[in-house]
Amino acid sequence: RVLLVRIRGMELSEAMMTIAIGMIIADTMLAIYGGIQNPWRRR
């Protein structure tokens, strides 16, 4: 409703924006939870 509505119909811009959103979410989760595959297992 807020981000994609501004670039509706421009497939390349939509793809670039959604890739960026995915990278932002993934990096935020990595920063919050760390990179341990199984957080319940002790190092």
PDB file of all heavy atoms in Angstrom:
ATOM      1  N   ARG A   1       0.802  -1.232   0.000  1.00  0.00           N
ATOM      2  CA  ARG A   1       0.000   0.000   0.000  1.00  0.00           C
ATOM      3  C   ARG A   1       0.832   1.279   0.000  1.00  0.00           C
ATOM      4  O   ARG A   1       0.379   2.296  -0.512  1.00  0.00           O
ATOM      5  CB  ARG A   1      -0.930   0.034   1.211  1.00  0.00           C
ATOM      6  CG  ARG A   1      -1.918  -1.090   1.264  1.00  0.00           C
ATOM      7  CD  ARG A   1      -2.981  -0.903   0.236  1.00  0.00           C
ATOM      8  NE  ARG A   1      -3.939  -2.004   0.361  1.00  0.00           N
ATOM      9  CZ  ARG A   1      -4.810  -2.301  -0.543  1.00  0.00           C
ATOM     10  NH1 ARG A   1      -4.877  -1.600  -1.637  1.00  0.00           N
ATOM     11  NH2 ARG A   1      -5.620  -3.303  -0.363  1.00  0.00           N
ATOM     12  N   VAL A   2       2.029   1.237   0.585  1.00  0.00           N
ATOM     13  CA  VAL A   2       2.818   2.460   0.707  1.00  0.00           C
ATOM     14  C   VAL A   2       3.967   2.502  -0.303  1.00  0.00           C
ATOM     15  O   VAL A   2       4.198   3.527  -0.941  1.00  0.00           O
ATOM     16  CB  VAL A   2       3.363   2.610   2.150  1.00  0.00           C
ATOM     17  CG1 VAL A   2       4.280   3.806   2.269  1.00  0.00           C
ATOM     18  CG2 VAL A   2       2.208   2.718   3.131  1.00  0.00           C
ATOM     19  N   LEU A   3       4.669   1.373  -0.473  1.00  0.00           N
ATOM     20  CA  LEU A   3       5.863   1.402  -1.305  1.00  0.00           C
ATOM     21  C   LEU A   3       5.605   1.000  -2.753  1.00  0.00           C
ATOM     22  O   LEU A   3       6.021   1.698  -3.686  1.00  0.00           O
ATOM     23  CB  LEU A   3       6.935   0.497  -0.693  1.00  0.00           C
ATOM     24  CG  LEU A   3       7.364   0.855   0.732  1.00  0.00           C
ATOM     25  CD1 LEU A   3       8.330  -0.176   1.272  1.00  0.00           C
ATOM     26  CD2 LEU A   3       7.969   2.243   0.768  1.00  0.00           C
ATOM     27  N   LEU A   4       4.927  -0.129  -2.962  1.00  0.00           N
ATOM     28  CA  LEU A   4       4.763  -0.630  -4.325  1.00  0.00           C
ATOM     29  C   LEU A   4       3.732   0.139  -5.136  1.00  0.00           C
ATOM     30  O   LEU A   4       3.780   0.120  -6.363  1.00  0.00           O
ATOM     31  CB  LEU A   4       4.405  -2.119  -4.305  1.00  0.00           C
ATOM     32  CG  LEU A   4       5.533  -3.044  -3.869  1.00  0.00           C
ATOM     33  CD1 LEU A   4       5.034  -4.471  -3.778  1.00  0.00           C
ATOM     34  CD2 LEU A   4       6.698  -2.947  -4.829  1.00  0.00           C
ATOM     35  N   VAL A   5       2.804   0.814  -4.482  1.00  0.00           N
ATOM     36  CA  VAL A   5       1.782   1.548  -5.214  1.00  0.00           C
ATOM     37  C   VAL A   5       2.400   2.694  -6.011  1.00  0.00           C
ATOM     38  O   VAL A   5       1.885   3.095  -7.046  1.00  0.00           O
ATOM     39  CB  VAL A   5       0.667   2.035  -4.252  1.00  0.00           C
ATOM     40  CG1 VAL A   5       1.147   3.192  -3.394  1.00  0.00           C
ATOM     41  CG2 VAL A   5      -0.581   2.404  -5.010  1.00  0.00           C
ATOM     42  N   ARG A   6       3.540   3.192  -5.560  1.00  0.00           N
ATOM     43  CA  ARG A   6       4.205   4.317  -6.238  1.00  0.00           C
ATOM     44  C   ARG A   6       4.876   3.908  -7.545  1.00  0.00           C
ATOM     45  O   ARG A   6       5.095   4.764  -8.412  1.00  0.00           O
ATOM     46  CB  ARG A   6       5.255   4.937  -5.317  1.00  0.00           C
ATOM     47  CG  ARG A   6       4.673   5.465  -4.034  1.00  0.00           C
ATOM     48  CD  ARG A   6       5.773   5.891  -3.073  1.00  0.00           C
ATOM     49  NE  ARG A   6       5.274   6.149  -1.747  1.00  0.00           N
ATOM     50  CZ  ARG A   6       4.904   7.335  -1.309  1.00  0.00           C
ATOM     51  NH1 ARG A   6       4.974   8.375  -2.097  1.00  0.00           N
ATOM     52  NH2 ARG A   6       4.457   7.471  -0.083  1.00  0.00           N
ATOM     53  N   ILE A   7       5.221   2.632  -7.675  1.00  0.00           N
ATOM     54  CA  ILE A   7       5.932   2.186  -8.871  1.00  0.00           C
ATOM     55  C   ILE A   7       5.158   1.093  -9.602  1.00  0.00           C
ATOM     56  O   ILE A   7       5.734   0.260 -10.290  1.00  0.00           O
ATOM     57  CB  ILE A   7       7.348   1.695  -8.505  1.00  0.00           C
ATOM     58  CG1 ILE A   7       7.287   0.614  -7.442  1.00  0.00           C
ATOM     59  CG2 ILE A   7       8.226   2.842  -8.080  1.00  0.00           C
ATOM     60  CD1 ILE A   7       8.627  -0.023  -7.146  1.00  0.00           C
ATOM     61  N   ARG A   8       3.861   1.102  -9.475  1.00  0.00           N
ATOM     62  CA  ARG A   8       3.008   0.090 -10.093  1.00  0.00           C
ATOM     63  C   ARG A   8       3.210   0.063 -11.607  1.00  0.00           C
ATOM     64  O   ARG A   8       3.243   1.094 -12.259  1.00  0.00           O
ATOM     65  CB  ARG A   8       1.549   0.380  -9.772  1.00  0.00           C
ATOM     66  CG  ARG A   8       0.546  -0.554 -10.352  1.00  0.00           C
ATOM     67  CD  ARG A   8       0.412  -1.858  -9.650  1.00  0.00           C
ATOM     68  NE  ARG A   8       0.063  -1.639  -8.255  1.00  0.00           N
ATOM     69  CZ  ARG A   8       0.443  -2.472  -7.298  1.00  0.00           C
ATOM     70  NH1 ARG A   8       1.153  -3.517  -7.578  1.00  0.00           N
ATOM     71  NH2 ARG A   8       0.116  -2.242  -6.060  1.00  0.00           N
ATOM     72  N   GLY A   9       3.399  -1.132 -12.142  1.00  0.00           N
ATOM     73  CA  GLY A   9       3.536  -1.304 -13.581  1.00  0.00           C
ATOM     74  C   GLY A   9       4.977  -1.313 -14.075  1.00  0.00           C
ATOM     75  O   GLY A   9       5.232  -1.735 -15.196  1.00  0.00           O
ATOM     76  N   MET A  10       5.910  -0.875 -13.272  1.00  0.00           N
ATOM     77  CA  MET A  10       7.329  -0.894 -13.653  1.00  0.00           C
ATOM     78  C   MET A  10       7.962  -2.134 -13.018  1.00  0.00           C
ATOM     79  O   MET A  10       8.399  -2.107 -11.864  1.00  0.00           O
ATOM     80  CB  MET A  10       8.024   0.378 -13.181  1.00  0.00           C
ATOM     81  CG  MET A  10       7.460   1.645 -13.800  1.00  0.00           C
ATOM     82  SD  MET A  10       8.361   3.132 -13.369  1.00  0.00           S
ATOM     83  CE  MET A  10       7.915   3.325 -11.647  1.00  0.00           C
ATOM     84  N   GLU A  11       7.989  -3.240 -13.787  1.00  0.00           N
ATOM     85  CA  GLU A  11       8.389  -4.526 -13.236  1.00  0.00           C
ATOM     86  C   GLU A  11       9.809  -4.512 -12.684  1.00  0.00           C
ATOM     87  O   GLU A  11      10.080  -5.097 -11.638  1.00  0.00           O
ATOM     88  CB  GLU A  11       8.258  -5.640 -14.283  1.00  0.00           C
ATOM     89  CG  GLU A  11       6.836  -6.071 -14.555  1.00  0.00           C
ATOM     90  CD  GLU A  11       6.165  -5.203 -15.601  1.00  0.00           C
ATOM     91  OE1 GLU A  11       6.862  -4.366 -16.224  1.00  0.00           O
ATOM     92  OE2 GLU A  11       4.948  -5.344 -15.787  1.00  0.00           O
ATOM     93  N   LEU A  12      10.741  -3.873 -13.380  1.00  0.00           N
ATOM     94  CA  LEU A  12      12.123  -3.848 -12.904  1.00  0.00           C
ATOM     95  C   LEU A  12      12.234  -3.090 -11.580  1.00  0.00           C
ATOM     96  O   LEU A  12      12.907  -3.544 -10.648  1.00  0.00           O
ATOM     97  CB  LEU A  12      13.047  -3.220 -13.945  1.00  0.00           C
ATOM     98  CG  LEU A  12      14.527  -3.188 -13.579  1.00  0.00           C
ATOM     99  CD1 LEU A  12      15.047  -4.602 -13.346  1.00  0.00           C
ATOM    100  CD2 LEU A  12      15.314  -2.499 -14.670  1.00  0.00           C
ATOM    101  N   SER A  13      11.555  -1.977 -11.479  1.00  0.00           N
ATOM    102  CA  SER A  13      11.588  -1.208 -10.224  1.00  0.00           C
ATOM    103  C   SER A  13      10.925  -1.978  -9.094  1.00  0.00           C
ATOM    104  O   SER A  13      11.403  -1.949  -7.945  1.00  0.00           O
ATOM    105  CB  SER A  13      10.887   0.130 -10.412  1.00  0.00           C
ATOM    106  OG  SER A  13      11.568   0.911 -11.363  1.00  0.00           O
ATOM    107  N   GLU A  14       9.830  -2.678  -9.387  1.00  0.00           N
ATOM    108  CA  GLU A  14       9.172  -3.492  -8.363  1.00  0.00           C
ATOM    109  C   GLU A  14      10.095  -4.603  -7.882  1.00  0.00           C
ATOM    110  O   GLU A  14      10.197  -4.861  -6.680  1.00  0.00           O
ATOM    111  CB  GLU A  14       7.885  -4.094  -8.907  1.00  0.00           C
ATOM    112  CG  GLU A  14       6.776  -3.107  -9.128  1.00  0.00           C
ATOM    113  CD  GLU A  14       5.575  -3.729  -9.808  1.00  0.00           C
ATOM    114  OE1 GLU A  14       5.686  -4.866 -10.315  1.00  0.00           O
ATOM    115  OE2 GLU A  14       4.527  -3.072  -9.835  1.00  0.00           O
ATOM    116  N   ALA A  15      10.775  -5.259  -8.822  1.00  0.00           N
ATOM    117  CA  ALA A  15      11.688  -6.330  -8.451  1.00  0.00           C
ATOM    118  C   ALA A  15      12.841  -5.791  -7.610  1.00  0.00           C
ATOM    119  O   ALA A  15      13.211  -6.390  -6.594  1.00  0.00           O
ATOM    120  CB  ALA A  15      12.222  -7.033  -9.700  1.00  0.00           C
ATOM    121  N   MET A  16      13.385  -4.662  -8.010  1.00  0.00           N
ATOM    122  CA  MET A  16      14.504  -4.081  -7.258  1.00  0.00           C
ATOM    123  C   MET A  16      14.066  -3.681  -5.844  1.00  0.00           C
ATOM    124  O   MET A  16      14.796  -3.908  -4.871  1.00  0.00           O
ATOM    125  CB  MET A  16      15.061  -2.857  -7.993  1.00  0.00           C
ATOM    126  CG  MET A  16      15.676  -3.176  -9.327  1.00  0.00           C
ATOM    127  SD  MET A  16      17.220  -4.037  -9.174  1.00  0.00           S
ATOM    128  CE  MET A  16      18.271  -2.697  -8.691  1.00  0.00           C
ATOM    129  N   MET A  17      12.879  -3.091  -5.726  1.00  0.00           N
ATOM    130  CA  MET A  17      12.408  -2.673  -4.409  1.00  0.00           C
ATOM    131  C   MET A  17      12.148  -3.877  -3.510  1.00  0.00           C
ATOM    132  O   MET A  17      12.526  -3.871  -2.333  1.00  0.00           O
ATOM    133  CB  MET A  17      11.149  -1.824  -4.505  1.00  0.00           C
ATOM    134  CG  MET A  17      10.657  -1.361  -3.135  1.00  0.00           C
ATOM    135  SD  MET A  17       9.274  -0.257  -3.195  1.00  0.00           S
ATOM    136  CE  MET A  17      10.102   1.234  -3.721  1.00  0.00           C
ATOM    137  N   THR A  18      11.523  -4.906  -4.047  1.00  0.00           N
ATOM    138  CA  THR A  18      11.223  -6.063  -3.209  1.00  0.00           C
ATOM    139  C   THR A  18      12.496  -6.832  -2.849  1.00  0.00           C
ATOM    140  O   THR A  18      12.581  -7.396  -1.754  1.00  0.00           O
ATOM    141  CB  THR A  18      10.195  -6.993  -3.878  1.00  0.00           C
ATOM    142  OG1 THR A  18      10.677  -7.402  -5.155  1.00  0.00           O
ATOM    143  CG2 THR A  18       8.854  -6.295  -4.010  1.00  0.00           C
ATOM    144  N   ILE A  19      13.489  -6.856  -3.737  1.00  0.00           N
ATOM    145  CA  ILE A  19      14.774  -7.464  -3.376  1.00  0.00           C
ATOM    146  C   ILE A  19      15.411  -6.675  -2.237  1.00  0.00           C
ATOM    147  O   ILE A  19      15.930  -7.249  -1.274  1.00  0.00           O
ATOM    148  CB  ILE A  19      15.711  -7.525  -4.594  1.00  0.00           C
ATOM    149  CG1 ILE A  19      15.239  -8.596  -5.570  1.00  0.00           C
ATOM    150  CG2 ILE A  19      17.154  -7.822  -4.166  1.00  0.00           C
ATOM    151  CD1 ILE A  19      15.985  -8.601  -6.884  1.00  0.00           C
ATOM    152  N   ALA A  20      15.360  -5.355  -2.313  1.00  0.00           N
ATOM    153  CA  ALA A  20      15.927  -4.509  -1.253  1.00  0.00           C
ATOM    154  C   ALA A  20      15.188  -4.729   0.064  1.00  0.00           C
ATOM    155  O   ALA A  20      15.826  -4.816   1.128  1.00  0.00           O
ATOM    156  CB  ALA A  20      15.863  -3.041  -1.659  1.00  0.00           C
ATOM    157  N   ILE A  21      13.874  -4.831   0.024  1.00  0.00           N
ATOM    158  CA  ILE A  21      13.103  -5.075   1.246  1.00  0.00           C
ATOM    159  C   ILE A  21      13.487  -6.425   1.840  1.00  0.00           C
ATOM    160  O   ILE A  21      13.679  -6.547   3.056  1.00  0.00           O
ATOM    161  CB  ILE A  21      11.589  -5.006   0.949  1.00  0.00           C
ATOM    162  CG1 ILE A  21      11.187  -3.575   0.626  1.00  0.00           C
ATOM    163  CG2 ILE A  21      10.775  -5.546   2.126  1.00  0.00           C
ATOM    164  CD1 ILE A  21       9.804  -3.448   0.048  1.00  0.00           C
ATOM    165  N   GLY A  22      13.633  -7.438   0.997  1.00  0.00           N
ATOM    166  CA  GLY A  22      14.049  -8.751   1.474  1.00  0.00           C
ATOM    167  C   GLY A  22      15.422  -8.723   2.118  1.00  0.00           C
ATOM    168  O   GLY A  22      15.656  -9.348   3.163  1.00  0.00           O
ATOM    169  N   MET A  23      16.350  -7.982   1.509  1.00  0.00           N
ATOM    170  CA  MET A  23      17.701  -7.880   2.077  1.00  0.00           C
ATOM    171  C   MET A  23      17.685  -7.128   3.408  1.00  0.00           C
ATOM    172  O   MET A  23      18.399  -7.501   4.348  1.00  0.00           O
ATOM    173  CB  MET A  23      18.626  -7.198   1.085  1.00  0.00           C
ATOM    174  CG  MET A  23      18.915  -8.045  -0.133  1.00  0.00           C
ATOM    175  SD  MET A  23      19.862  -7.175  -1.381  1.00  0.00           S
ATOM    176  CE  MET A  23      21.448  -7.087  -0.594  1.00  0.00           C
ATOM    177  N   ILE A  24      16.880  -6.091   3.496  1.00  0.00           N
ATOM    178  CA  ILE A  24      16.781  -5.333   4.748  1.00  0.00           C
ATOM    179  C   ILE A  24      16.224  -6.209   5.866  1.00  0.00           C
ATOM    180  O   ILE A  24      16.741  -6.224   6.986  1.00  0.00           O
ATOM    181  CB  ILE A  24      15.920  -4.069   4.550  1.00  0.00           C
ATOM    182  CG1 ILE A  24      16.660  -3.058   3.672  1.00  0.00           C
ATOM    183  CG2 ILE A  24      15.537  -3.453   5.891  1.00  0.00           C
ATOM    184  CD1 ILE A  24      15.795  -1.911   3.189  1.00  0.00           C
ATOM    185  N   ILE A  25      15.168  -6.960   5.565  1.00  0.00           N
ATOM    186  CA  ILE A  25      14.579  -7.849   6.578  1.00  0.00           C
ATOM    187  C   ILE A  25      15.580  -8.922   6.991  1.00  0.00           C
ATOM    188  O   ILE A  25      15.767  -9.193   8.180  1.00  0.00           O
ATOM    189  CB  ILE A  25      13.273  -8.477   6.051  1.00  0.00           C
ATOM    190  CG1 ILE A  25      12.198  -7.409   5.883  1.00  0.00           C
ATOM    191  CG2 ILE A  25      12.789  -9.583   6.989  1.00  0.00           C
ATOM    192  CD1 ILE A  25      10.961  -7.902   5.156  1.00  0.00           C
ATOM    193  N   ALA A  26      16.250  -9.545   6.011  1.00  0.00           N
ATOM    194  CA  ALA A  26      17.209 -10.613   6.317  1.00  0.00           C
ATOM    195  C   ALA A  26      18.371 -10.095   7.153  1.00  0.00           C
ATOM    196  O   ALA A  26      18.774 -10.742   8.135  1.00  0.00           O
ATOM    197  CB  ALA A  26      17.723 -11.233   5.021  1.00  0.00           C
ATOM    198  N   ASP A  27      18.903  -8.941   6.803  1.00  0.00           N
ATOM    199  CA  ASP A  27      20.018  -8.393   7.580  1.00  0.00           C
ATOM    200  C   ASP A  27      19.581  -7.948   8.967  1.00  0.00           C
ATOM    201  O   ASP A  27      20.349  -8.068   9.931  1.00  0.00           O
ATOM    202  CB  ASP A  27      20.665  -7.229   6.829  1.00  0.00           C
ATOM    203  CG  ASP A  27      21.494  -7.690   5.644  1.00  0.00           C
ATOM    204  OD1 ASP A  27      21.793  -8.898   5.567  1.00  0.00           O
ATOM    205  OD2 ASP A  27      21.829  -6.857   4.778  1.00  0.00           O
ATOM    206  N   THR A  28      18.362  -7.448   9.097  1.00  0.00           N
ATOM    207  CA  THR A  28      17.852  -7.077  10.412  1.00  0.00           C
ATOM    208  C   THR A  28      17.694  -8.309  11.300  1.00  0.00           C
ATOM    209  O   THR A  28      18.075  -8.289  12.474  1.00  0.00           O
ATOM    210  CB  THR A  28      16.505  -6.338  10.285  1.00  0.00           C
ATOM    211  OG1 THR A  28      16.687  -5.198   9.452  1.00  0.00           O
ATOM    212  CG2 THR A  28      15.980  -5.926  11.635  1.00  0.00           C
ATOM    213  N   MET A  29      17.166  -9.390  10.742  1.00  0.00           N
ATOM    214  CA  MET A  29      17.034 -10.629  11.511  1.00  0.00           C
ATOM    215  C   MET A  29      18.400 -11.185  11.886  1.00  0.00           C
ATOM    216  O   MET A  29      18.588 -11.700  12.987  1.00  0.00           O
ATOM    217  CB  MET A  29      16.236 -11.680  10.734  1.00  0.00           C
ATOM    218  CG  MET A  29      14.790 -11.326  10.493  1.00  0.00           C
ATOM    219  SD  MET A  29      13.824 -11.250  12.004  1.00  0.00           S
ATOM    220  CE  MET A  29      13.677  -9.491  12.209  1.00  0.00           C
ATOM    221  N   LEU A  30      19.378 -11.063  10.987  1.00  0.00           N
ATOM    222  CA  LEU A  30      20.731 -11.516  11.291  1.00  0.00           C
ATOM    223  C   LEU A  30      21.337 -10.685  12.411  1.00  0.00           C
ATOM    224  O   LEU A  30      22.000 -11.217  13.308  1.00  0.00           O
ATOM    225  CB  LEU A  30      21.604 -11.444  10.042  1.00  0.00           C
ATOM    226  CG  LEU A  30      23.038 -11.953  10.172  1.00  0.00           C
ATOM    227  CD1 LEU A  30      23.048 -13.432  10.513  1.00  0.00           C
ATOM    228  CD2 LEU A  30      23.790 -11.696   8.886  1.00  0.00           C
ATOM    229  N   ALA A  31      21.096  -9.379  12.402  1.00  0.00           N
ATOM    230  CA  ALA A  31      21.631  -8.511  13.452  1.00  0.00           C
ATOM    231  C   ALA A  31      20.966  -8.779  14.798  1.00  0.00           C
ATOM    232  O   ALA A  31      21.628  -8.742  15.843  1.00  0.00           O
ATOM    233  CB  ALA A  31      21.440  -7.046  13.063  1.00  0.00           C
ATOM    234  N   ILE A  32      19.679  -9.067  14.791  1.00  0.00           N
ATOM    235  CA  ILE A  32      18.957  -9.296  16.053  1.00  0.00           C
ATOM    236  C   ILE A  32      19.257 -10.681  16.621  1.00  0.00           C
ATOM    237  O   ILE A  32      19.573 -10.823  17.802  1.00  0.00           O
ATOM    238  CB  ILE A  32      17.440  -9.123  15.842  1.00  0.00           C
ATOM    239  CG1 ILE A  32      17.111  -7.665  15.532  1.00  0.00           C
ATOM    240  CG2 ILE A  32      16.664  -9.601  17.070  1.00  0.00           C
ATOM    241  CD1 ILE A  32      15.676  -7.437  15.123  1.00  0.00           C
ATOM    242  N   TYR A  33      19.157 -11.721  15.787  1.00  0.00           N
ATOM    243  CA  TYR A  33      19.240 -13.090  16.280  1.00  0.00           C
ATOM    244  C   TYR A  33      20.595 -13.748  16.078  1.00  0.00           C
ATOM    245  O   TYR A  33      20.842 -14.820  16.624  1.00  0.00           O
ATOM    246  CB  TYR A  33      18.153 -13.951  15.626  1.00  0.00           C
ATOM    247  CG  TYR A  33      16.774 -13.537  16.034  1.00  0.00           C
ATOM    248  CD1 TYR A  33      15.973 -12.784  15.188  1.00  0.00           C
ATOM    249  CD2 TYR A  33      16.271 -13.878  17.274  1.00  0.00           C
ATOM    250  CE1 TYR A  33      14.712 -12.381  15.570  1.00  0.00           C
ATOM    251  CE2 TYR A  33      15.008 -13.484  17.664  1.00  0.00           C
ATOM    252  CZ  TYR A  33      14.229 -12.740  16.805  1.00  0.00           C
ATOM    253  OH  TYR A  33      12.984 -12.347  17.183  1.00  0.00           O
ATOM    254  N   GLY A  34      21.469 -13.163  15.289  1.00  0.00           N
ATOM    255  CA  GLY A  34      22.781 -13.746  15.057  1.00  0.00           C
ATOM    256  C   GLY A  34      22.749 -14.790  13.961  1.00  0.00           C
ATOM    257  O   GLY A  34      21.705 -15.104  13.393  1.00  0.00           O
ATOM    258  N   GLY A  35      23.910 -15.336  13.680  1.00  0.00           N
ATOM    259  CA  GLY A  35      24.034 -16.272  12.568  1.00  0.00           C
ATOM    260  C   GLY A  35      24.135 -17.719  12.974  1.00  0.00           C
ATOM    261  O   GLY A  35      24.560 -18.547  12.189  1.00  0.00           O
ATOM    262  N   ILE A  36      23.770 -18.069  14.198  1.00  0.00           N
ATOM    263  CA  ILE A  36      23.827 -19.457  14.639  1.00  0.00           C
ATOM    264  C   ILE A  36      22.620 -20.184  14.051  1.00  0.00           C
ATOM    265  O   ILE A  36      21.479 -19.743  14.209  1.00  0.00           O
ATOM    266  CB  ILE A  36      23.813 -19.547  16.178  1.00  0.00           C
ATOM    267  CG1 ILE A  36      25.013 -18.795  16.745  1.00  0.00           C
ATOM    268  CG2 ILE A  36      23.834 -21.002  16.627  1.00  0.00           C
ATOM    269  CD1 ILE A  36      24.973 -18.668  18.259  1.00  0.00           C
ATOM    270  N   GLN A  37      22.868 -21.305  13.381  1.00  0.00           N
ATOM    271  CA  GLN A  37      21.780 -22.032  12.733  1.00  0.00           C
ATOM    272  C   GLN A  37      20.795 -22.611  13.741  1.00  0.00           C
ATOM    273  O   GLN A  37      19.605 -22.633  13.505  1.00  0.00           O
ATOM    274  CB  GLN A  37      22.322 -23.173  11.856  1.00  0.00           C
ATOM    275  CG  GLN A  37      23.025 -22.699  10.627  1.00  0.00           C
ATOM    276  CD  GLN A  37      24.472 -22.321  10.895  1.00  0.00           C
ATOM    277  OE1 GLN A  37      25.002 -22.548  11.965  1.00  0.00           O
ATOM    278  NE2 GLN A  37      25.103 -21.718   9.908  1.00  0.00           N
ATOM    279  N   ASN A  38      21.290 -23.099  14.858  1.00  0.00           N
ATOM    280  CA  ASN A  38      20.423 -23.670  15.887  1.00  0.00           C
ATOM    281  C   ASN A  38      20.678 -22.906  17.186  1.00  0.00           C
ATOM    282  O   ASN A  38      21.607 -23.218  17.925  1.00  0.00           O
ATOM    283  CB  ASN A  38      20.719 -25.161  16.071  1.00  0.00           C
ATOM    284  CG  ASN A  38      19.718 -25.829  16.982  1.00  0.00           C
ATOM    285  OD1 ASN A  38      18.901 -25.161  17.614  1.00  0.00           O
ATOM    286  ND2 ASN A  38      19.776 -27.148  17.058  1.00  0.00           N
ATOM    287  N   PRO A  39      19.864 -21.896  17.488  1.00  0.00           N
ATOM    288  CA  PRO A  39      20.143 -21.063  18.659  1.00  0.00           C
ATOM    289  C   PRO A  39      19.962 -21.787  19.984  1.00  0.00           C
ATOM    290  O   PRO A  39      20.423 -21.311  21.002  1.00  0.00           O
ATOM    291  CB  PRO A  39      19.141 -19.917  18.520  1.00  0.00           C
ATOM    292  CG  PRO A  39      18.055 -20.464  17.676  1.00  0.00           C
ATOM    293  CD  PRO A  39      18.692 -21.462  16.762  1.00  0.00           C
ATOM    294  N   TRP A  40      19.319 -22.957  19.991  1.00  0.00           N
ATOM    295  CA  TRP A  40      19.100 -23.662  21.237  1.00  0.00           C
ATOM    296  C   TRP A  40      20.279 -24.574  21.576  1.00  0.00           C
ATOM    297  O   TRP A  40      20.391 -25.065  22.669  1.00  0.00           O
ATOM    298  CB  TRP A  40      17.808 -24.467  21.178  1.00  0.00           C
ATOM    299  CG  TRP A  40      16.652 -23.560  21.088  1.00  0.00           C
ATOM    300  CD1 TRP A  40      16.051 -22.902  22.123  1.00  0.00           C
ATOM    301  CD2 TRP A  40      15.977 -23.132  19.921  1.00  0.00           C
ATOM    302  NE1 TRP A  40      15.037 -22.103  21.654  1.00  0.00           N
ATOM    303  CE2 TRP A  40      14.955 -22.229  20.305  1.00  0.00           C
ATOM    304  CE3 TRP A  40      16.109 -23.415  18.575  1.00  0.00           C
ATOM    305  CZ2 TRP A  40      14.106 -21.627  19.409  1.00  0.00           C
ATOM    306  CZ3 TRP A  40      15.262 -22.819  17.671  1.00  0.00           C
ATOM    307  CH2 TRP A  40      14.277 -21.935  18.092  1.00  0.00           C
ATOM    308  N   ARG A  41      21.159 -24.820  20.623  1.00  0.00           N
ATOM    309  CA  ARG A  41      22.333 -25.641  20.857  1.00  0.00           C
ATOM    310  C   ARG A  41      23.455 -24.754  21.396  1.00  0.00           C
ATOM    311  O   ARG A  41      23.690 -23.673  20.889  1.00  0.00           O
ATOM    312  CB  ARG A  41      22.790 -26.305  19.571  1.00  0.00           C
ATOM    313  CG  ARG A  41      23.922 -27.273  19.817  1.00  0.00           C
ATOM    314  CD  ARG A  41      24.497 -27.839  18.560  1.00  0.00           C
ATOM    315  NE  ARG A  41      23.460 -28.258  17.636  1.00  0.00           N
ATOM    316  CZ  ARG A  41      23.721 -28.618  16.396  1.00  0.00           C
ATOM    317  NH1 ARG A  41      24.926 -28.589  15.929  1.00  0.00           N
ATOM    318  NH2 ARG A  41      22.745 -28.983  15.599  1.00  0.00           N
ATOM    319  N   ARG A  42      24.123 -25.223  22.408  1.00  0.00           N
ATOM    320  CA  ARG A  42      25.223 -24.448  22.977  1.00  0.00           C
ATOM    321  C   ARG A  42      26.418 -24.510  22.040  1.00  0.00           C
ATOM    322  O   ARG A  42      26.690 -25.533  21.406  1.00  0.00           O
ATOM    323  CB  ARG A  42      25.605 -25.007  24.331  1.00  0.00           C
ATOM    324  CG  ARG A  42      24.538 -24.763  25.370  1.00  0.00           C
ATOM    325  CD  ARG A  42      24.897 -25.313  26.707  1.00  0.00           C
ATOM    326  NE  ARG A  42      26.327 -25.312  26.957  1.00  0.00           N
ATOM    327  CZ  ARG A  42      26.892 -25.959  27.943  1.00  0.00           C
ATOM    328  NH1 ARG A  42      26.161 -26.666  28.766  1.00  0.00           N
ATOM    329  NH2 ARG A  42      28.187 -25.937  28.117  1.00  0.00           N
ATOM    330  N   ARG A  43      27.148 -23.421  21.990  1.00  0.00           N
ATOM    331  CA  ARG A  43      28.365 -23.402  21.188  1.00  0.00           C
ATOM    332  C   ARG A  43      29.420 -24.260  21.879  1.00  0.00           C
ATOM    333  O   ARG A  43      29.571 -24.203  23.088  1.00  0.00           O
ATOM    334  CB  ARG A  43      28.895 -21.978  21.041  1.00  0.00           C
ATOM    335  CG  ARG A  43      28.062 -21.122  20.163  1.00  0.00           C
ATOM    336  CD  ARG A  43      28.732 -19.803  19.980  1.00  0.00           C
ATOM    337  NE  ARG A  43      27.907 -18.946  19.148  1.00  0.00           N
ATOM    338  CZ  ARG A  43      28.244 -17.714  18.824  1.00  0.00           C
ATOM    339  NH1 ARG A  43      29.356 -17.183  19.238  1.00  0.00           N
ATOM    340  NH2 ARG A  43      27.459 -17.003  18.055  1.00  0.00           N
TER     341      ARG A  43
END
